[in-house]
Protein backbone atom coordinates (compact mmCIF):
# COMPACT_ATOMS: atom_id res chain seq x y z
CA MET A 1 154.39 125.01 136.85
CA HIS A 2 154.74 122.89 133.72
CA SER A 3 153.50 119.85 135.61
CA TRP A 4 150.37 121.71 136.75
CA LEU A 5 149.54 122.88 133.21
CA HIS A 6 150.01 119.38 131.88
CA LYS A 7 147.63 117.90 134.47
CA ARG A 8 145.01 120.55 133.65
CA ARG A 9 145.17 119.76 129.92
CA VAL A 10 144.82 116.05 130.67
CA ARG A 11 141.71 116.71 132.78
CA LYS A 12 140.14 118.80 129.98
CA ASN A 13 140.84 116.09 127.40
CA ARG A 14 139.27 113.51 129.68
CA VAL A 15 136.13 115.65 130.01
CA ARG A 16 135.92 116.04 126.22
CA LEU A 17 136.32 112.28 125.74
CA GLN A 18 133.63 111.56 128.29
CA HIS A 19 131.15 113.87 126.51
CA ALA A 20 132.03 112.70 122.94
CA PRO A 21 129.89 109.51 122.99
CA GLN A 22 126.93 111.52 124.25
CA LYS A 23 127.25 113.97 121.36
CA ILE A 24 127.53 111.15 118.86
CA LEU A 25 124.42 109.50 120.29
CA PHE A 26 122.59 112.82 120.17
CA TRP A 27 123.40 113.35 116.48
CA VAL A 28 122.67 109.76 115.54
CA GLY A 29 119.36 109.90 117.39
CA GLY A 30 118.48 113.19 115.76
CA ILE A 31 119.27 111.95 112.27
CA GLY A 32 117.34 108.73 112.93
CA ALA A 33 114.33 110.67 114.15
CA LEU A 34 114.50 112.88 111.07
CA PHE A 35 114.53 109.81 108.84
CA ILE A 36 111.53 108.38 110.66
CA VAL A 37 109.58 111.61 110.33
CA CYS A 38 110.47 111.96 106.65
CA GLY A 39 109.64 108.31 106.03
CA GLY A 40 106.29 108.70 107.74
CA VAL A 41 105.45 111.80 105.73
CA GLY A 42 106.57 110.08 102.53
CA ALA A 43 104.51 106.99 103.30
CA TRP A 44 101.44 109.12 103.99
CA PHE A 45 102.08 111.11 100.81
CA SER A 46 102.36 107.90 98.72
CA HIS A 47 98.87 106.81 99.83
CA ILE A 48 96.91 109.95 99.06
CA GLU A 49 94.05 109.42 96.61
CA LEU A 50 95.18 112.16 94.26
CA LEU A 51 98.36 110.22 93.37
CA ARG A 52 96.91 106.71 93.34
CA ILE A 53 96.62 104.61 90.14
CA THR A 54 92.97 103.65 89.86
CA THR A 55 92.74 102.51 86.24
CA VAL A 56 94.86 100.09 84.19
CA SER A 57 94.31 99.74 80.45
CA VAL A 58 96.05 97.82 77.67
CA ARG A 59 96.15 98.78 74.00
CA GLY A 60 97.63 97.34 70.83
CA THR A 61 96.96 93.63 71.37
CA ASP A 62 95.90 91.35 68.54
CA VAL A 63 95.89 87.83 69.96
CA LEU A 64 96.67 88.42 73.63
CA SER A 65 93.78 89.06 76.03
CA LYS A 66 93.62 92.63 77.31
CA GLU A 67 91.77 91.48 80.42
CA ILE A 68 94.46 88.98 81.38
CA LEU A 69 97.23 91.51 80.78
CA GLU A 70 95.44 94.15 82.86
CA GLU A 71 94.95 91.69 85.71
CA ASN A 72 98.66 90.83 85.61
CA VAL A 73 99.50 94.54 85.96
CA ARG A 74 97.05 95.04 88.82
CA GLU A 75 98.69 92.18 90.72
CA ALA A 76 102.07 93.91 90.34
CA LEU A 77 100.59 97.03 91.96
CA VAL A 78 99.34 95.27 95.08
CA GLY A 79 101.02 96.07 98.41
CA ASN A 80 103.68 98.49 99.60
CA TYR A 81 107.43 98.95 99.34
CA ILE A 82 109.05 97.89 102.67
CA GLY A 83 105.56 97.91 104.13
CA LEU A 84 105.24 101.71 103.85
CA PHE A 85 105.14 103.22 100.36
CA ALA A 86 102.19 102.42 98.10
CA ARG A 87 103.03 100.61 94.88
CA THR A 88 99.97 102.23 93.29
CA ASN A 89 101.48 105.70 93.67
CA THR A 90 101.78 107.37 90.26
CA LEU A 91 105.33 108.48 91.07
CA LEU A 92 106.52 105.21 92.61
CA TYR A 93 104.74 102.45 90.67
CA PRO A 94 107.06 99.56 89.66
CA LYS A 95 107.38 100.29 85.93
CA ASN A 96 110.38 98.03 85.23
CA GLU A 97 108.91 95.21 87.30
CA ILE A 98 105.65 95.39 85.35
CA LYS A 99 107.48 95.21 82.03
CA ALA A 100 109.68 92.32 83.17
CA SER A 101 106.63 90.43 84.45
CA LEU A 102 104.72 90.82 81.19
CA TYR A 103 107.71 89.88 79.02
CA GLU A 104 108.23 86.77 81.14
CA ALA A 105 104.59 85.69 81.14
CA PHE A 106 103.78 86.47 77.49
CA PRO A 107 106.50 85.54 74.94
CA ARG A 108 104.28 86.90 72.17
CA ILE A 109 105.06 90.48 73.32
CA LYS A 110 107.72 92.02 71.09
CA ASP A 111 107.79 95.49 72.62
CA MET A 112 105.82 97.54 75.10
CA ASP A 113 105.56 100.92 76.75
CA VAL A 114 104.27 101.56 80.26
CA ALA A 115 103.28 105.13 81.04
CA ARG A 116 100.84 107.24 83.02
CA GLU A 117 97.79 108.51 81.20
CA GLY A 118 96.15 111.46 82.86
CA LYS A 119 96.27 111.73 86.66
CA ASN A 120 95.28 108.26 87.83
CA ALA A 121 95.52 105.89 84.85
CA LEU A 122 98.26 103.55 83.71
CA LEU A 123 98.46 102.70 80.01
CA ILE A 124 100.34 99.65 78.67
CA SER A 125 100.91 99.77 74.90
CA ILE A 126 101.71 96.36 73.41
CA LEU A 127 103.36 95.34 70.15
CA GLU A 128 103.02 91.62 69.39
CA TYR A 129 105.26 89.46 67.23
CA GLU A 130 103.73 88.80 63.82
CA PRO A 131 103.84 85.22 62.49
CA TYR A 132 105.97 84.84 59.38
CA GLY A 133 106.09 81.05 59.23
CA LEU A 134 106.01 77.88 61.29
CA TRP A 135 108.83 75.94 62.90
CA CYS A 136 107.57 72.35 62.96
CA GLY A 137 110.36 70.32 64.49
CA VAL A 138 113.75 68.87 63.66
CA SER A 139 112.44 67.02 60.59
CA PRO A 140 109.11 66.53 58.74
CA LEU A 141 106.76 64.16 60.56
CA GLY A 142 103.55 64.53 58.59
CA ASP A 143 100.36 64.66 60.63
CA GLU A 144 102.19 64.18 63.95
CA GLU A 145 103.82 67.61 63.84
CA THR A 146 103.56 70.23 66.56
CA CYS A 147 104.29 73.65 65.08
CA TYR A 148 105.21 77.04 66.52
CA PHE A 149 104.91 80.52 65.12
CA ILE A 150 108.17 82.09 64.02
CA ASP A 151 108.79 85.72 63.06
CA ARG A 152 110.79 86.90 60.03
CA ASN A 153 113.97 87.09 62.15
CA GLY A 154 113.73 83.45 63.23
CA TYR A 155 112.34 84.04 66.74
CA ILE A 156 109.87 81.38 67.95
CA PHE A 157 107.20 82.93 70.17
CA ALA A 158 104.10 80.71 70.47
CA GLN A 159 102.61 77.33 69.64
CA SER A 160 100.31 77.50 66.63
CA PRO A 161 96.81 76.08 66.23
CA GLU A 162 96.59 72.91 64.15
CA TYR A 163 94.80 74.66 61.28
CA SER A 164 97.77 76.98 60.65
CA GLY A 165 99.72 74.32 58.77
CA SER A 166 98.51 75.05 55.25
CA ILE A 167 98.63 78.83 55.65
CA PHE A 168 102.28 79.43 56.54
CA PHE A 169 105.60 78.34 55.09
CA LYS A 170 107.21 75.68 57.28
CA TYR A 171 110.74 75.41 58.64
CA TYR A 172 112.39 72.24 59.91
CA GLY A 173 115.72 71.85 61.65
CA ALA A 174 117.47 71.59 65.00
CA LEU A 175 117.37 74.40 67.56
CA PRO A 176 120.32 75.49 69.73
CA LEU A 177 118.74 74.12 72.94
CA LYS A 178 116.78 70.97 73.75
CA THR A 179 114.31 72.90 75.93
CA SER A 180 110.99 74.41 74.84
CA PRO A 181 111.15 75.96 71.34
CA VAL A 182 109.46 79.14 72.61
CA ARG A 183 111.93 82.06 72.94
CA GLN A 184 114.55 80.28 70.83
CA SER A 185 115.81 81.43 67.43
CA PHE A 186 116.02 79.31 64.30
CA LEU A 187 118.56 80.48 61.72
CA ALA A 188 119.90 84.02 61.35
CA PRO A 189 117.76 86.86 59.93
CA GLU A 190 119.88 87.13 56.78
CA ILE A 191 119.33 83.43 56.06
CA PHE A 192 115.59 83.95 56.34
CA THR A 193 115.86 86.70 53.76
CA SER A 194 117.81 84.43 51.41
CA ILE A 195 115.29 81.62 51.83
CA GLU A 196 112.43 84.01 51.06
CA THR A 197 114.22 85.22 47.90
CA PHE A 198 114.89 81.67 46.76
CA VAL A 199 111.30 80.52 47.36
CA ARG A 200 109.98 83.50 45.43
CA GLY A 201 112.37 82.71 42.58
CA LEU A 202 111.30 79.05 42.50
CA SER A 203 107.70 80.19 42.18
CA GLU A 204 108.56 82.06 38.99
CA PHE A 205 109.67 78.72 37.51
CA GLY A 206 106.43 77.04 38.54
CA PHE A 207 107.94 75.35 41.60
CA GLU A 208 105.80 76.12 44.67
CA ALA A 209 107.73 75.44 47.87
CA SER A 210 105.83 74.69 51.07
CA ALA A 211 108.74 74.12 53.45
CA VAL A 212 112.50 74.02 53.92
CA PHE A 213 114.33 71.35 55.90
CA VAL A 214 117.80 72.14 57.28
CA ASP A 215 119.29 68.69 57.89
CA GLU A 216 122.11 67.54 60.16
CA ASN A 217 124.66 68.42 57.47
CA ASP A 218 123.29 71.98 57.20
CA ASP A 219 121.96 71.23 53.71
CA TYR A 220 118.79 73.09 52.72
CA ILE A 221 116.09 70.83 51.29
CA PHE A 222 113.20 72.79 49.79
CA LEU A 223 110.01 70.71 49.77
CA LEU A 224 107.63 71.49 46.91
CA HIS A 225 103.84 71.05 46.89
CA ASP A 226 104.03 68.32 44.26
CA GLY A 227 106.36 66.20 46.40
CA SER A 228 109.60 67.07 44.60
CA GLU A 229 112.66 68.71 46.17
CA VAL A 230 115.32 71.31 45.45
CA ARG A 231 118.52 70.69 47.41
CA LEU A 232 121.18 73.28 48.29
CA SER A 233 124.30 73.20 50.44
CA TYR A 234 124.03 76.89 51.34
CA VAL A 235 121.74 79.88 50.75
CA THR A 236 124.20 82.76 50.60
CA ASN A 237 124.16 83.30 46.84
CA VAL A 238 120.61 82.40 45.87
CA LEU A 239 120.38 84.71 42.86
CA SER A 240 123.21 82.82 41.20
CA MET A 241 121.50 79.53 42.02
CA LEU A 242 118.25 80.75 40.52
CA ARG A 243 120.07 81.69 37.32
CA ASN A 244 121.54 78.18 37.21
CA ILE A 245 118.09 76.62 37.65
CA SER A 246 116.76 78.82 34.86
CA ALA A 247 119.58 77.67 32.57
CA LEU A 248 118.89 74.04 33.51
CA LEU A 249 115.17 74.25 32.75
CA ASP A 250 115.91 75.77 29.34
CA SER A 251 118.58 73.22 28.45
CA LYS A 252 117.90 70.65 25.72
CA GLU A 253 119.05 67.80 27.94
CA TYR A 254 116.57 68.64 30.73
CA ILE A 255 113.68 69.11 28.30
CA ARG A 256 114.53 65.82 26.54
CA ASP A 257 114.84 63.85 29.79
CA LYS A 258 111.70 65.28 31.32
CA GLY A 259 109.23 64.32 28.63
CA GLU A 260 105.99 63.45 30.43
CA GLN A 261 107.73 62.47 33.65
CA ASN A 262 107.41 64.15 37.04
CA LEU A 263 110.42 65.73 38.70
CA LEU A 264 111.70 64.07 41.87
CA TYR A 265 114.52 66.46 42.75
CA ILE A 266 117.04 69.03 41.61
CA ASP A 267 120.28 68.72 43.57
CA MET A 268 122.67 71.70 43.59
CA ARG A 269 124.87 70.68 46.49
CA PHE A 270 127.90 69.80 44.38
CA PRO A 271 130.39 72.24 42.80
CA GLN A 272 130.01 72.90 39.08
CA LYS A 273 127.28 70.29 38.81
CA ILE A 274 123.46 70.13 38.93
CA LEU A 275 121.84 66.75 39.37
CA TYR A 276 118.19 65.99 38.71
CA LYS A 277 115.95 62.97 38.58
CA PHE A 278 112.48 62.10 37.26
CA ASP A 279 110.10 59.46 38.53
CA GLY A 280 110.45 57.29 35.43
CA GLU A 281 114.20 56.87 35.70
């Protein structure tokens, strides 16, 4: 009796095992078919005219060409995802890809927003870097210089036209990398602020600076319009340095030595000491 029951259970288990692969195939096939149907419906839905981006517009540019930017965006919208889903669909358009493409192609872009406008329009709002000065190489080269626009945080974003030289304050010094200057940073933002404060202070004394040269020793050489220089070893306490220059200019020794001579330099790189020299010495 026990032997007969055991054989019957074995036969039932064998039947179940034989039918199991068929059930698995049935469910897999059903799920696959469902995915295909849903994918087809989704692909059709992504191509309907009501949800298609038909207009691309760019706002906020100053120097950059709106037409070129718009064409770049239109190229990013061409084609389909995995050959099915339209990239022009207002719900599926490649927003992050568009932003990455524009940032890569146009270093002058500081910030941007990509958003739908109305039912079928895409609006790209652009904020460009504003030029604060010029980075003109590792050291002054005169007329052979190639200069690049730099913002007030030290970011280099574009080569400048040749006529920009006399308009902007110039910066000289080595960059972190030997590659193209564009997209590199020169000095830290707080150093830029200190340099600006010092240049403004020099102007109050009648010294008009046109450039600063950060040499291989990290000394700061301020180049004045009249050809003279003011030399510093650091720019972290410029207000104190300006007070020292004021005291120097008012001192009897400086006034006596100057006479009718022209200043060549004021050197403040040494502790507790200010050196200066005139062209007649």
